[in-house]
Amino acid sequence: MRSQFEKEMKNLNIKLIKMGEMVQDIIEVSVQALAKQDLEAAKRVYVMDDKIDELELEIENECMKLLALQQPMARDLRTIGTIIKIITDLERMGDHAVNIAKVTLEIGDTPLIKPLIDIPRMARLTEDMVKKVLDAFTNADTKMAEEVAHDDEAVDEIYEGIYTELINMMIQNPETTKQATNLLFIGRYLERIADHATNIGERIIYMVTGERVEIN
């Protein structure tokens, strides 16, 4: 029974990592679609999100099956509970990427009001945060999970800079208001993705230690 349980847990971990990698991909594609104003790529984001949703449901069902049939205790129980929480955060990250794609489609081929420098930087940071928490989960590394909070602070700082720049742009040139507002939304979506990664970091610490902490 134990060997079967461990086999199923290993399979769960593999699927969780795959879901995380899909989330990294969807963030990259959504922001690149914006930067290049590639509307076809923006539409592909919807398909990518559907696949993430399907995998989330698959993982959740397997977790519930393990809980019902194996009745795990202590660390095993916390691990399964953590996986359920993690896939929820990952799924919401995918939703935010879809929101970015929606904004890209709304902007369409209208020339961008400014070169996109900080938004792609935010995206790369959030992708790195997702990778870091996945590594922290795989290695049960609480220190790495805590480091995500510092990355979240960096994302917040970039967002504050974007916010200030775009608000000033709208004040100086009201004609930029619509697109500037859309770009503010995109910054906010990326900031929320970073928050979800931080949530995952906190849940990994709970999984390992049994203690609930706030790392940001």
N, C-alpha and C. Protein backbone atom coordinates (compact mmCIF):
# COMPACT_ATOMS: atom_id res chain seq x y z
N MET A 1 0.83 -1.20 0.00
CA MET A 1 0.00 0.00 0.00
C MET A 1 0.87 1.26 0.00
N ARG A 2 1.94 1.23 0.81
CA ARG A 2 2.79 2.40 0.90
C ARG A 2 3.51 2.68 -0.42
N SER A 3 3.99 1.60 -1.06
CA SER A 3 4.69 1.78 -2.32
C SER A 3 3.75 2.34 -3.40
N GLN A 4 2.50 1.88 -3.38
CA GLN A 4 1.52 2.39 -4.34
C GLN A 4 1.23 3.87 -4.07
N PHE A 5 1.11 4.21 -2.79
CA PHE A 5 0.87 5.60 -2.41
C PHE A 5 2.02 6.48 -2.89
N GLU A 6 3.25 6.03 -2.67
CA GLU A 6 4.41 6.81 -3.08
C GLU A 6 4.48 6.97 -4.60
N LYS A 7 4.08 5.93 -5.31
CA LYS A 7 4.05 5.98 -6.77
C LYS A 7 3.04 7.03 -7.24
N GLU A 8 1.86 7.04 -6.61
CA GLU A 8 0.83 8.00 -7.00
C GLU A 8 1.23 9.42 -6.62
N MET A 9 1.91 9.58 -5.49
CA MET A 9 2.39 10.91 -5.10
C MET A 9 3.44 11.42 -6.08
N LYS A 10 4.31 10.53 -6.52
CA LYS A 10 5.33 10.92 -7.50
C LYS A 10 4.67 11.38 -8.79
N ASN A 11 3.64 10.68 -9.21
CA ASN A 11 2.91 11.05 -10.41
C ASN A 11 2.24 12.41 -10.25
N LEU A 12 1.69 12.65 -9.05
CA LEU A 12 1.09 13.95 -8.77
C LEU A 12 2.12 15.07 -8.88
N ASN A 13 3.29 14.84 -8.31
CA ASN A 13 4.34 15.84 -8.35
C ASN A 13 4.75 16.17 -9.78
N ILE A 14 4.84 15.13 -10.61
CA ILE A 14 5.21 15.34 -12.02
C ILE A 14 4.16 16.21 -12.72
N LYS A 15 2.90 15.93 -12.45
CA LYS A 15 1.83 16.70 -13.09
C LYS A 15 1.80 18.14 -12.58
N LEU A 16 2.10 18.31 -11.29
CA LEU A 16 2.15 19.66 -10.73
C LEU A 16 3.25 20.48 -11.39
N ILE A 17 4.43 19.89 -11.55
CA ILE A 17 5.54 20.58 -12.20
C ILE A 17 5.17 20.93 -13.64
N LYS A 18 4.52 20.00 -14.32
CA LYS A 18 4.09 20.26 -15.70
C LYS A 18 3.14 21.44 -15.76
N MET A 19 2.20 21.50 -14.81
CA MET A 19 1.24 22.61 -14.77
C MET A 19 1.97 23.93 -14.54
N GLY A 20 2.96 23.91 -13.64
CA GLY A 20 3.74 25.11 -13.39
C GLY A 20 4.50 25.58 -14.61
N GLU A 21 5.05 24.64 -15.36
CA GLU A 21 5.78 25.00 -16.58
C GLU A 21 4.83 25.58 -17.63
N MET A 22 3.61 25.05 -17.68
CA MET A 22 2.61 25.59 -18.59
C MET A 22 2.25 27.02 -18.21
N VAL A 23 2.22 27.30 -16.92
CA VAL A 23 1.92 28.65 -16.45
C VAL A 23 3.06 29.60 -16.82
N GLN A 24 4.30 29.16 -16.67
CA GLN A 24 5.43 29.99 -17.10
C GLN A 24 5.30 30.32 -18.59
N ASP A 25 4.93 29.34 -19.38
CA ASP A 25 4.80 29.53 -20.82
C ASP A 25 3.69 30.52 -21.16
N ILE A 26 2.56 30.41 -20.46
CA ILE A 26 1.42 31.26 -20.81
C ILE A 26 1.69 32.72 -20.43
N ILE A 27 2.44 32.92 -19.34
CA ILE A 27 2.83 34.29 -18.98
C ILE A 27 3.71 34.88 -20.08
N GLU A 28 4.70 34.10 -20.50
CA GLU A 28 5.62 34.58 -21.54
C GLU A 28 4.90 34.89 -22.84
N VAL A 29 4.04 33.98 -23.27
CA VAL A 29 3.33 34.17 -24.53
C VAL A 29 2.40 35.38 -24.47
N SER A 30 1.71 35.55 -23.35
CA SER A 30 0.76 36.66 -23.25
C SER A 30 1.47 38.01 -23.32
N VAL A 31 2.61 38.14 -22.65
CA VAL A 31 3.33 39.42 -22.65
C VAL A 31 4.05 39.64 -23.98
N GLN A 32 4.60 38.58 -24.56
CA GLN A 32 5.23 38.72 -25.86
C GLN A 32 4.21 39.10 -26.94
N ALA A 33 3.00 38.55 -26.80
CA ALA A 33 1.93 38.91 -27.75
C ALA A 33 1.63 40.39 -27.66
N LEU A 34 1.64 40.93 -26.45
CA LEU A 34 1.44 42.37 -26.27
C LEU A 34 2.59 43.17 -26.87
N ALA A 35 3.82 42.79 -26.52
CA ALA A 35 4.99 43.54 -26.98
C ALA A 35 5.09 43.57 -28.50
N LYS A 36 4.75 42.45 -29.13
CA LYS A 36 4.85 42.36 -30.59
C LYS A 36 3.52 42.68 -31.28
N GLN A 37 2.49 42.92 -30.45
CA GLN A 37 1.13 43.13 -30.95
C GLN A 37 0.74 42.00 -31.91
N ASP A 38 1.03 40.80 -31.44
CA ASP A 38 0.74 39.58 -32.19
C ASP A 38 -0.62 39.05 -31.73
N LEU A 39 -1.65 39.38 -32.47
CA LEU A 39 -3.00 39.06 -32.05
C LEU A 39 -3.29 37.56 -32.13
N GLU A 40 -2.65 36.87 -33.06
CA GLU A 40 -2.83 35.43 -33.15
C GLU A 40 -2.23 34.74 -31.91
N ALA A 41 -1.10 35.21 -31.47
CA ALA A 41 -0.50 34.66 -30.25
C ALA A 41 -1.38 34.94 -29.05
N ALA A 42 -1.99 36.13 -29.02
CA ALA A 42 -2.90 36.46 -27.92
C ALA A 42 -4.08 35.49 -27.89
N LYS A 43 -4.56 35.11 -29.05
CA LYS A 43 -5.68 34.17 -29.10
C LYS A 43 -5.24 32.77 -28.64
N ARG A 44 -3.98 32.42 -28.89
CA ARG A 44 -3.48 31.11 -28.45
C ARG A 44 -3.46 30.99 -26.93
N VAL A 45 -3.38 32.13 -26.27
CA VAL A 45 -3.36 32.12 -24.81
C VAL A 45 -4.63 31.47 -24.25
N TYR A 46 -5.75 31.67 -24.92
CA TYR A 46 -7.00 31.08 -24.46
C TYR A 46 -6.92 29.55 -24.51
N VAL A 47 -6.34 29.03 -25.58
CA VAL A 47 -6.20 27.58 -25.72
C VAL A 47 -5.26 27.03 -24.64
N MET A 48 -4.17 27.76 -24.40
CA MET A 48 -3.22 27.34 -23.37
C MET A 48 -3.89 27.31 -22.00
N ASP A 49 -4.74 28.29 -21.74
CA ASP A 49 -5.42 28.35 -20.45
C ASP A 49 -6.39 27.19 -20.29
N ASP A 50 -7.06 26.80 -21.36
CA ASP A 50 -7.97 25.65 -21.29
C ASP A 50 -7.21 24.39 -20.87
N LYS A 51 -6.01 24.22 -21.40
CA LYS A 51 -5.21 23.04 -21.06
C LYS A 51 -4.76 23.08 -19.59
N ILE A 52 -4.45 24.28 -19.11
CA ILE A 52 -4.09 24.43 -17.70
C ILE A 52 -5.28 24.06 -16.82
N ASP A 53 -6.46 24.52 -17.21
CA ASP A 53 -7.67 24.21 -16.43
C ASP A 53 -7.94 22.70 -16.40
N GLU A 54 -7.74 22.06 -17.54
CA GLU A 54 -7.95 20.61 -17.61
C GLU A 54 -7.00 19.86 -16.69
N LEU A 55 -5.74 20.29 -16.68
CA LEU A 55 -4.75 19.63 -15.83
C LEU A 55 -5.03 19.90 -14.36
N GLU A 56 -5.49 21.11 -14.04
CA GLU A 56 -5.85 21.41 -12.66
C GLU A 56 -6.93 20.44 -12.17
N LEU A 57 -7.96 20.24 -12.97
CA LEU A 57 -9.04 19.35 -12.59
C LEU A 57 -8.54 17.92 -12.43
N GLU A 58 -7.68 17.49 -13.32
CA GLU A 58 -7.11 16.15 -13.25
C GLU A 58 -6.32 15.95 -11.95
N ILE A 59 -5.49 16.91 -11.62
CA ILE A 59 -4.70 16.82 -10.39
C ILE A 59 -5.59 16.84 -9.16
N GLU A 60 -6.57 17.72 -9.18
CA GLU A 60 -7.48 17.82 -8.03
C GLU A 60 -8.22 16.50 -7.81
N ASN A 61 -8.70 15.90 -8.89
CA ASN A 61 -9.42 14.63 -8.76
C ASN A 61 -8.52 13.54 -8.19
N GLU A 62 -7.26 13.51 -8.62
CA GLU A 62 -6.33 12.51 -8.10
C GLU A 62 -6.02 12.75 -6.62
N CYS A 63 -5.94 14.02 -6.24
CA CYS A 63 -5.72 14.35 -4.82
C CYS A 63 -6.90 13.87 -3.97
N MET A 64 -8.10 14.12 -4.44
CA MET A 64 -9.29 13.72 -3.68
C MET A 64 -9.37 12.20 -3.58
N LYS A 65 -8.97 11.52 -4.65
CA LYS A 65 -8.96 10.06 -4.63
C LYS A 65 -7.98 9.53 -3.58
N LEU A 66 -6.80 10.14 -3.53
CA LEU A 66 -5.80 9.73 -2.54
C LEU A 66 -6.28 9.98 -1.12
N LEU A 67 -6.92 11.13 -0.93
CA LEU A 67 -7.43 11.45 0.41
C LEU A 67 -8.49 10.43 0.85
N ALA A 68 -9.33 10.04 -0.09
CA ALA A 68 -10.42 9.12 0.25
C ALA A 68 -9.94 7.69 0.47
N LEU A 69 -9.02 7.23 -0.38
CA LEU A 69 -8.63 5.83 -0.35
C LEU A 69 -7.44 5.55 0.58
N GLN A 70 -6.53 6.50 0.70
CA GLN A 70 -5.31 6.26 1.47
C GLN A 70 -5.38 6.85 2.88
N GLN A 71 -6.25 7.85 3.07
CA GLN A 71 -6.37 8.52 4.36
C GLN A 71 -5.00 8.88 4.95
N PRO A 72 -4.24 9.68 4.23
CA PRO A 72 -2.87 10.02 4.68
C PRO A 72 -2.89 10.85 5.96
N MET A 73 -1.77 10.81 6.67
CA MET A 73 -1.64 11.54 7.92
C MET A 73 -0.40 12.44 7.87
N ALA A 74 -0.35 13.39 8.81
CA ALA A 74 0.82 14.24 9.03
C ALA A 74 1.35 14.86 7.74
N ARG A 75 2.65 14.64 7.44
CA ARG A 75 3.31 15.30 6.31
C ARG A 75 2.63 14.95 4.99
N ASP A 76 2.23 13.69 4.82
CA ASP A 76 1.57 13.29 3.58
C ASP A 76 0.27 14.05 3.38
N LEU A 77 -0.47 14.23 4.45
CA LEU A 77 -1.73 14.96 4.36
C LEU A 77 -1.47 16.43 4.01
N ARG A 78 -0.47 17.02 4.65
CA ARG A 78 -0.14 18.42 4.35
C ARG A 78 0.32 18.57 2.91
N THR A 79 1.06 17.57 2.41
CA THR A 79 1.55 17.65 1.03
C THR A 79 0.39 17.65 0.04
N ILE A 80 -0.56 16.76 0.24
CA ILE A 80 -1.71 16.71 -0.68
C ILE A 80 -2.52 18.00 -0.58
N GLY A 81 -2.73 18.47 0.64
CA GLY A 81 -3.45 19.73 0.82
C GLY A 81 -2.72 20.88 0.15
N THR A 82 -1.39 20.88 0.23
CA THR A 82 -0.59 21.92 -0.40
C THR A 82 -0.71 21.86 -1.92
N ILE A 83 -0.70 20.67 -2.47
CA ILE A 83 -0.84 20.52 -3.92
C ILE A 83 -2.18 21.11 -4.39
N ILE A 84 -3.24 20.82 -3.65
CA ILE A 84 -4.56 21.36 -4.01
C ILE A 84 -4.53 22.89 -4.00
N LYS A 85 -3.87 23.46 -2.99
CA LYS A 85 -3.77 24.92 -2.91
C LYS A 85 -2.90 25.47 -4.04
N ILE A 86 -1.79 24.80 -4.33
CA ILE A 86 -0.88 25.28 -5.36
C ILE A 86 -1.55 25.32 -6.72
N ILE A 87 -2.27 24.27 -7.07
CA ILE A 87 -2.88 24.24 -8.40
C ILE A 87 -3.96 25.32 -8.53
N THR A 88 -4.58 25.69 -7.42
CA THR A 88 -5.54 26.80 -7.46
C THR A 88 -4.84 28.10 -7.79
N ASP A 89 -3.70 28.34 -7.14
CA ASP A 89 -2.93 29.56 -7.44
C ASP A 89 -2.42 29.54 -8.87
N LEU A 90 -1.93 28.38 -9.34
CA LEU A 90 -1.44 28.30 -10.71
C LEU A 90 -2.55 28.57 -11.72
N GLU A 91 -3.73 28.04 -11.43
CA GLU A 91 -4.86 28.25 -12.35
C GLU A 91 -5.22 29.73 -12.42
N ARG A 92 -5.15 30.41 -11.30
CA ARG A 92 -5.46 31.84 -11.30
C ARG A 92 -4.40 32.65 -12.03
N MET A 93 -3.14 32.20 -11.95
CA MET A 93 -2.10 32.84 -12.75
C MET A 93 -2.44 32.74 -14.24
N GLY A 94 -2.90 31.57 -14.66
CA GLY A 94 -3.31 31.39 -16.05
C GLY A 94 -4.43 32.34 -16.42
N ASP A 95 -5.37 32.54 -15.50
CA ASP A 95 -6.48 33.47 -15.75
C ASP A 95 -5.96 34.89 -15.96
N HIS A 96 -4.96 35.28 -15.17
CA HIS A 96 -4.41 36.62 -15.33
C HIS A 96 -3.70 36.76 -16.67
N ALA A 97 -3.06 35.69 -17.13
CA ALA A 97 -2.44 35.73 -18.45
C ALA A 97 -3.50 35.91 -19.53
N VAL A 98 -4.65 35.26 -19.35
CA VAL A 98 -5.77 35.46 -20.28
C VAL A 98 -6.23 36.91 -20.27
N ASN A 99 -6.27 37.50 -19.07
CA ASN A 99 -6.66 38.91 -18.98
C ASN A 99 -5.69 39.80 -19.76
N ILE A 100 -4.40 39.46 -19.70
CA ILE A 100 -3.40 40.21 -20.47
C ILE A 100 -3.68 40.06 -21.96
N ALA A 101 -4.01 38.84 -22.38
CA ALA A 101 -4.32 38.60 -23.80
C ALA A 101 -5.56 39.39 -24.23
N LYS A 102 -6.54 39.48 -23.34
CA LYS A 102 -7.75 40.25 -23.66
C LYS A 102 -7.42 41.71 -23.91
N VAL A 103 -6.54 42.26 -23.05
CA VAL A 103 -6.13 43.66 -23.23
C VAL A 103 -5.37 43.82 -24.54
N THR A 104 -4.51 42.86 -24.85
CA THR A 104 -3.75 42.91 -26.11
C THR A 104 -4.68 42.94 -27.30
N LEU A 105 -5.71 42.12 -27.26
CA LEU A 105 -6.68 42.09 -28.36
C LEU A 105 -7.47 43.40 -28.43
N GLU A 106 -7.72 44.00 -27.28
CA GLU A 106 -8.44 45.27 -27.27
C GLU A 106 -7.57 46.40 -27.86
N ILE A 107 -6.29 46.39 -27.53
CA ILE A 107 -5.38 47.39 -28.10
C ILE A 107 -5.23 47.17 -29.60
N GLY A 108 -5.22 45.89 -29.99
CA GLY A 108 -5.14 45.57 -31.42
C GLY A 108 -3.84 46.05 -32.04
N ASP A 109 -3.95 46.66 -33.21
CA ASP A 109 -2.74 47.14 -33.90
C ASP A 109 -2.52 48.64 -33.71
N THR A 110 -3.23 49.23 -32.75
CA THR A 110 -2.99 50.63 -32.43
C THR A 110 -1.57 50.79 -31.90
N PRO A 111 -0.81 51.73 -32.41
CA PRO A 111 0.58 51.89 -31.94
C PRO A 111 0.64 52.06 -30.42
N LEU A 112 1.61 51.41 -29.81
CA LEU A 112 1.77 51.52 -28.36
C LEU A 112 2.25 52.93 -28.00
N ILE A 113 1.78 53.44 -26.88
CA ILE A 113 2.08 54.81 -26.49
C ILE A 113 3.49 54.95 -25.92
N LYS A 114 4.13 53.81 -25.61
CA LYS A 114 5.48 53.85 -25.08
C LYS A 114 6.17 52.51 -25.35
N PRO A 115 7.48 52.50 -25.43
CA PRO A 115 8.19 51.21 -25.55
C PRO A 115 7.95 50.37 -24.30
N LEU A 116 7.74 49.09 -24.50
CA LEU A 116 7.50 48.21 -23.35
C LEU A 116 8.82 47.68 -22.83
N ILE A 117 9.22 48.18 -21.69
CA ILE A 117 10.47 47.75 -21.05
C ILE A 117 10.17 47.11 -19.70
N ASP A 118 9.43 47.83 -18.86
CA ASP A 118 9.18 47.35 -17.50
C ASP A 118 8.18 46.20 -17.44
N ILE A 119 7.18 46.20 -18.30
CA ILE A 119 6.20 45.11 -18.29
C ILE A 119 6.86 43.77 -18.63
N PRO A 120 7.68 43.69 -19.68
CA PRO A 120 8.41 42.43 -19.91
C PRO A 120 9.33 42.05 -18.76
N ARG A 121 9.93 43.06 -18.09
CA ARG A 121 10.76 42.77 -16.91
C ARG A 121 9.93 42.13 -15.81
N MET A 122 8.76 42.68 -15.58
CA MET A 122 7.85 42.10 -14.58
C MET A 122 7.51 40.66 -14.95
N ALA A 123 7.23 40.45 -16.22
CA ALA A 123 6.85 39.11 -16.66
C ALA A 123 7.97 38.11 -16.41
N ARG A 124 9.20 38.51 -16.74
CA ARG A 124 10.33 37.59 -16.53
C ARG A 124 10.50 37.28 -15.05
N LEU A 125 10.32 38.28 -14.21
CA LEU A 125 10.43 38.06 -12.77
C LEU A 125 9.37 37.10 -12.27
N THR A 126 8.14 37.27 -12.75
CA THR A 126 7.06 36.39 -12.29
C THR A 126 7.29 34.96 -12.78
N GLU A 127 7.78 34.81 -14.01
CA GLU A 127 8.10 33.47 -14.50
C GLU A 127 9.17 32.83 -13.62
N ASP A 128 10.18 33.61 -13.25
CA ASP A 128 11.24 33.09 -12.38
C ASP A 128 10.68 32.71 -11.00
N MET A 129 9.72 33.49 -10.52
CA MET A 129 9.10 33.18 -9.23
C MET A 129 8.36 31.85 -9.28
N VAL A 130 7.66 31.62 -10.38
CA VAL A 130 6.95 30.34 -10.53
C VAL A 130 7.95 29.20 -10.53
N LYS A 131 9.04 29.35 -11.29
CA LYS A 131 10.06 28.31 -11.32
C LYS A 131 10.66 28.07 -9.94
N LYS A 132 10.89 29.16 -9.22
CA LYS A 132 11.51 29.05 -7.90
C LYS A 132 10.62 28.29 -6.93
N VAL A 133 9.32 28.59 -6.94
CA VAL A 133 8.44 27.89 -5.99
C VAL A 133 8.26 26.42 -6.39
N LEU A 134 8.31 26.14 -7.69
CA LEU A 134 8.24 24.74 -8.11
C LEU A 134 9.48 23.98 -7.63
N ASP A 135 10.64 24.61 -7.75
CA ASP A 135 11.87 23.99 -7.25
C ASP A 135 11.81 23.83 -5.73
N ALA A 136 11.27 24.84 -5.05
CA ALA A 136 11.14 24.78 -3.59
C ALA A 136 10.23 23.63 -3.19
N PHE A 137 9.17 23.42 -3.95
CA PHE A 137 8.24 22.31 -3.66
C PHE A 137 8.95 20.98 -3.88
N THR A 138 9.61 20.85 -5.00
CA THR A 138 10.28 19.58 -5.33
C THR A 138 11.32 19.21 -4.29
N ASN A 139 12.05 20.20 -3.80
CA ASN A 139 13.15 19.95 -2.87
C ASN A 139 12.78 20.18 -1.41
N ALA A 140 11.49 20.51 -1.17
CA ALA A 140 11.04 20.83 0.19
C ALA A 140 11.97 21.86 0.83
N ASP A 141 12.27 22.90 0.05
CA ASP A 141 13.26 23.91 0.44
C ASP A 141 12.56 25.16 0.95
N THR A 142 12.49 25.33 2.26
CA THR A 142 11.79 26.48 2.84
C THR A 142 12.54 27.78 2.59
N LYS A 143 13.86 27.72 2.56
CA LYS A 143 14.64 28.94 2.32
C LYS A 143 14.35 29.49 0.93
N MET A 144 14.29 28.61 -0.06
CA MET A 144 13.97 29.06 -1.41
C MET A 144 12.55 29.60 -1.47
N ALA A 145 11.65 28.97 -0.74
CA ALA A 145 10.26 29.45 -0.71
C ALA A 145 10.20 30.86 -0.13
N GLU A 146 11.00 31.13 0.89
CA GLU A 146 11.03 32.45 1.51
C GLU A 146 11.61 33.51 0.57
N GLU A 147 12.54 33.10 -0.27
CA GLU A 147 13.18 34.05 -1.19
C GLU A 147 12.19 34.66 -2.17
N VAL A 148 11.09 33.97 -2.41
CA VAL A 148 10.09 34.47 -3.34
C VAL A 148 9.53 35.81 -2.87
N ALA A 149 9.50 36.03 -1.55
CA ALA A 149 8.99 37.30 -1.02
C ALA A 149 9.84 38.47 -1.49
N HIS A 150 11.16 38.27 -1.59
CA HIS A 150 12.04 39.34 -2.07
C HIS A 150 11.77 39.62 -3.55
N ASP A 151 11.51 38.57 -4.31
CA ASP A 151 11.18 38.75 -5.73
C ASP A 151 9.86 39.51 -5.87
N ASP A 152 8.92 39.21 -4.98
CA ASP A 152 7.62 39.89 -5.00
C ASP A 152 7.80 41.39 -4.76
N GLU A 153 8.70 41.74 -3.85
CA GLU A 153 8.98 43.15 -3.58
C GLU A 153 9.53 43.84 -4.83
N ALA A 154 10.38 43.14 -5.56
CA ALA A 154 10.95 43.71 -6.79
C ALA A 154 9.86 43.94 -7.83
N VAL A 155 8.93 42.99 -7.94
CA VAL A 155 7.81 43.15 -8.87
C VAL A 155 6.96 44.35 -8.47
N ASP A 156 6.70 44.48 -7.19
CA ASP A 156 5.90 45.61 -6.69
C ASP A 156 6.57 46.94 -7.03
N GLU A 157 7.88 47.00 -6.87
CA GLU A 157 8.62 48.24 -7.16
C GLU A 157 8.51 48.61 -8.63
N ILE A 158 8.62 47.61 -9.50
CA ILE A 158 8.49 47.89 -10.93
C ILE A 158 7.09 48.38 -11.25
N TYR A 159 6.10 47.74 -10.64
CA TYR A 159 4.71 48.14 -10.88
C TYR A 159 4.47 49.58 -10.43
N GLU A 160 5.03 49.95 -9.29
CA GLU A 160 4.88 51.33 -8.81
C GLU A 160 5.47 52.32 -9.81
N GLY A 161 6.61 51.96 -10.40
CA GLY A 161 7.21 52.82 -11.41
C GLY A 161 6.34 52.94 -12.65
N ILE A 162 5.78 51.82 -13.09
CA ILE A 162 4.87 51.82 -14.24
C ILE A 162 3.66 52.68 -13.96
N TYR A 163 3.12 52.52 -12.76
CA TYR A 163 1.92 53.27 -12.37
C TYR A 163 2.19 54.78 -12.42
N THR A 164 3.29 55.19 -11.82
CA THR A 164 3.63 56.62 -11.80
C THR A 164 3.83 57.16 -13.21
N GLU A 165 4.55 56.42 -14.02
CA GLU A 165 4.83 56.87 -15.39
C GLU A 165 3.55 57.02 -16.20
N LEU A 166 2.67 56.03 -16.12
CA LEU A 166 1.46 56.06 -16.94
C LEU A 166 0.46 57.11 -16.45
N ILE A 167 0.38 57.30 -15.14
CA ILE A 167 -0.50 58.34 -14.62
C ILE A 167 -0.03 59.71 -15.10
N ASN A 168 1.27 59.94 -15.04
CA ASN A 168 1.81 61.21 -15.52
C ASN A 168 1.56 61.38 -17.01
N MET A 169 1.67 60.30 -17.75
CA MET A 169 1.43 60.36 -19.18
C MET A 169 -0.02 60.76 -19.47
N MET A 170 -0.95 60.20 -18.70
CA MET A 170 -2.36 60.53 -18.90
C MET A 170 -2.65 61.99 -18.56
N ILE A 171 -1.98 62.50 -17.53
CA ILE A 171 -2.17 63.89 -17.12
C ILE A 171 -1.66 64.83 -18.21
N GLN A 172 -0.49 64.51 -18.74
CA GLN A 172 0.14 65.37 -19.75
C GLN A 172 -0.51 65.25 -21.11
N ASN A 173 -1.04 64.07 -21.41
CA ASN A 173 -1.66 63.86 -22.72
C ASN A 173 -2.91 62.97 -22.54
N PRO A 174 -4.06 63.59 -22.32
CA PRO A 174 -5.30 62.83 -22.08
C PRO A 174 -5.65 61.84 -23.18
N GLU A 175 -5.13 62.05 -24.39
CA GLU A 175 -5.43 61.13 -25.49
C GLU A 175 -4.85 59.73 -25.25
N THR A 176 -3.89 59.64 -24.33
CA THR A 176 -3.27 58.34 -24.04
C THR A 176 -4.04 57.56 -22.98
N THR A 177 -5.11 58.16 -22.44
CA THR A 177 -5.77 57.60 -21.26
C THR A 177 -6.23 56.16 -21.45
N LYS A 178 -6.88 55.88 -22.57
CA LYS A 178 -7.44 54.54 -22.75
C LYS A 178 -6.34 53.47 -22.76
N GLN A 179 -5.32 53.67 -23.57
CA GLN A 179 -4.27 52.65 -23.65
C GLN A 179 -3.43 52.61 -22.37
N ALA A 180 -3.18 53.77 -21.79
CA ALA A 180 -2.42 53.81 -20.54
C ALA A 180 -3.16 53.03 -19.45
N THR A 181 -4.47 53.17 -19.42
CA THR A 181 -5.26 52.42 -18.44
C THR A 181 -5.14 50.92 -18.69
N ASN A 182 -5.18 50.53 -19.96
CA ASN A 182 -5.02 49.11 -20.29
C ASN A 182 -3.66 48.58 -19.85
N LEU A 183 -2.62 49.37 -20.06
CA LEU A 183 -1.28 48.94 -19.64
C LEU A 183 -1.17 48.87 -18.12
N LEU A 184 -1.88 49.76 -17.42
CA LEU A 184 -1.93 49.67 -15.97
C LEU A 184 -2.57 48.36 -15.52
N PHE A 185 -3.62 47.97 -16.22
CA PHE A 185 -4.28 46.69 -15.90
C PHE A 185 -3.29 45.54 -16.07
N ILE A 186 -2.52 45.58 -17.14
CA ILE A 186 -1.56 44.50 -17.38
C ILE A 186 -0.52 44.44 -16.27
N GLY A 187 -0.02 45.60 -15.87
CA GLY A 187 0.91 45.63 -14.74
C GLY A 187 0.29 45.04 -13.49
N ARG A 188 -0.97 45.36 -13.27
CA ARG A 188 -1.68 44.84 -12.10
C ARG A 188 -1.84 43.33 -12.20
N TYR A 189 -2.13 42.81 -13.38
CA TYR A 189 -2.28 41.35 -13.53
C TYR A 189 -0.96 40.65 -13.22
N LEU A 190 0.14 41.21 -13.68
CA LEU A 190 1.44 40.61 -13.39
C LEU A 190 1.76 40.70 -11.90
N GLU A 191 1.39 41.80 -11.28
CA GLU A 191 1.61 41.95 -9.84
C GLU A 191 0.81 40.90 -9.07
N ARG A 192 -0.39 40.58 -9.54
CA ARG A 192 -1.22 39.57 -8.89
C ARG A 192 -0.62 38.17 -9.10
N ILE A 193 -0.04 37.93 -10.26
CA ILE A 193 0.64 36.64 -10.50
C ILE A 193 1.75 36.45 -9.47
N ALA A 194 2.51 37.52 -9.24
CA ALA A 194 3.59 37.46 -8.24
C ALA A 194 3.03 37.16 -6.85
N ASP A 195 1.88 37.74 -6.53
CA ASP A 195 1.25 37.48 -5.23
C ASP A 195 0.87 36.01 -5.09
N HIS A 196 0.37 35.42 -6.18
CA HIS A 196 0.01 33.99 -6.13
C HIS A 196 1.26 33.13 -5.93
N ALA A 197 2.36 33.52 -6.55
CA ALA A 197 3.61 32.77 -6.34
C ALA A 197 4.04 32.86 -4.88
N THR A 198 3.85 34.03 -4.27
CA THR A 198 4.17 34.20 -2.85
C THR A 198 3.27 33.31 -2.00
N ASN A 199 2.00 33.23 -2.35
CA ASN A 199 1.08 32.33 -1.64
C ASN A 199 1.60 30.89 -1.66
N ILE A 200 2.08 30.48 -2.84
CA ILE A 200 2.60 29.12 -2.97
C ILE A 200 3.81 28.93 -2.06
N GLY A 201 4.69 29.94 -2.01
CA GLY A 201 5.84 29.86 -1.12
C GLY A 201 5.42 29.63 0.33
N GLU A 202 4.39 30.34 0.77
CA GLU A 202 3.90 30.19 2.14
C GLU A 202 3.35 28.79 2.38
N ARG A 203 2.69 28.25 1.38
CA ARG A 203 2.09 26.91 1.54
C ARG A 203 3.16 25.82 1.55
N ILE A 204 4.25 26.06 0.84
CA ILE A 204 5.35 25.10 0.86
C ILE A 204 5.98 25.07 2.25
N ILE A 205 6.13 26.23 2.85
CA ILE A 205 6.68 26.28 4.21
C ILE A 205 5.77 25.52 5.17
N TYR A 206 4.47 25.69 5.01
CA TYR A 206 3.53 24.94 5.85
C TYR A 206 3.64 23.44 5.61
N MET A 207 3.79 23.07 4.35
CA MET A 207 3.91 21.65 4.02
C MET A 207 5.11 21.02 4.73
N VAL A 208 6.23 21.74 4.75
CA VAL A 208 7.46 21.20 5.32
C VAL A 208 7.46 21.26 6.84
N THR A 209 7.02 22.39 7.39
CA THR A 209 7.19 22.63 8.83
C THR A 209 5.92 22.45 9.65
N GLY A 210 4.78 22.53 8.99
CA GLY A 210 3.51 22.51 9.72
C GLY A 210 3.16 23.85 10.32
N GLU A 211 3.96 24.88 10.02
CA GLU A 211 3.71 26.22 10.54
C GLU A 211 3.18 27.14 9.45
N ARG A 212 2.19 27.93 9.80
CA ARG A 212 1.63 28.89 8.85
C ARG A 212 2.34 30.24 9.05
N VAL A 213 2.95 30.73 7.98
CA VAL A 213 3.69 31.99 8.06
C VAL A 213 3.30 32.89 6.89
N GLU A 214 3.54 34.19 7.07
CA GLU A 214 3.38 35.15 5.97
C GLU A 214 4.77 35.64 5.61
N ILE A 215 5.20 35.37 4.39
CA ILE A 215 6.57 35.69 4.01
C ILE A 215 6.68 37.04 3.34
N ASN A 216 5.55 37.74 3.08
CA ASN A 216 5.65 39.06 2.45
C ASN A 216 5.19 40.12 3.42
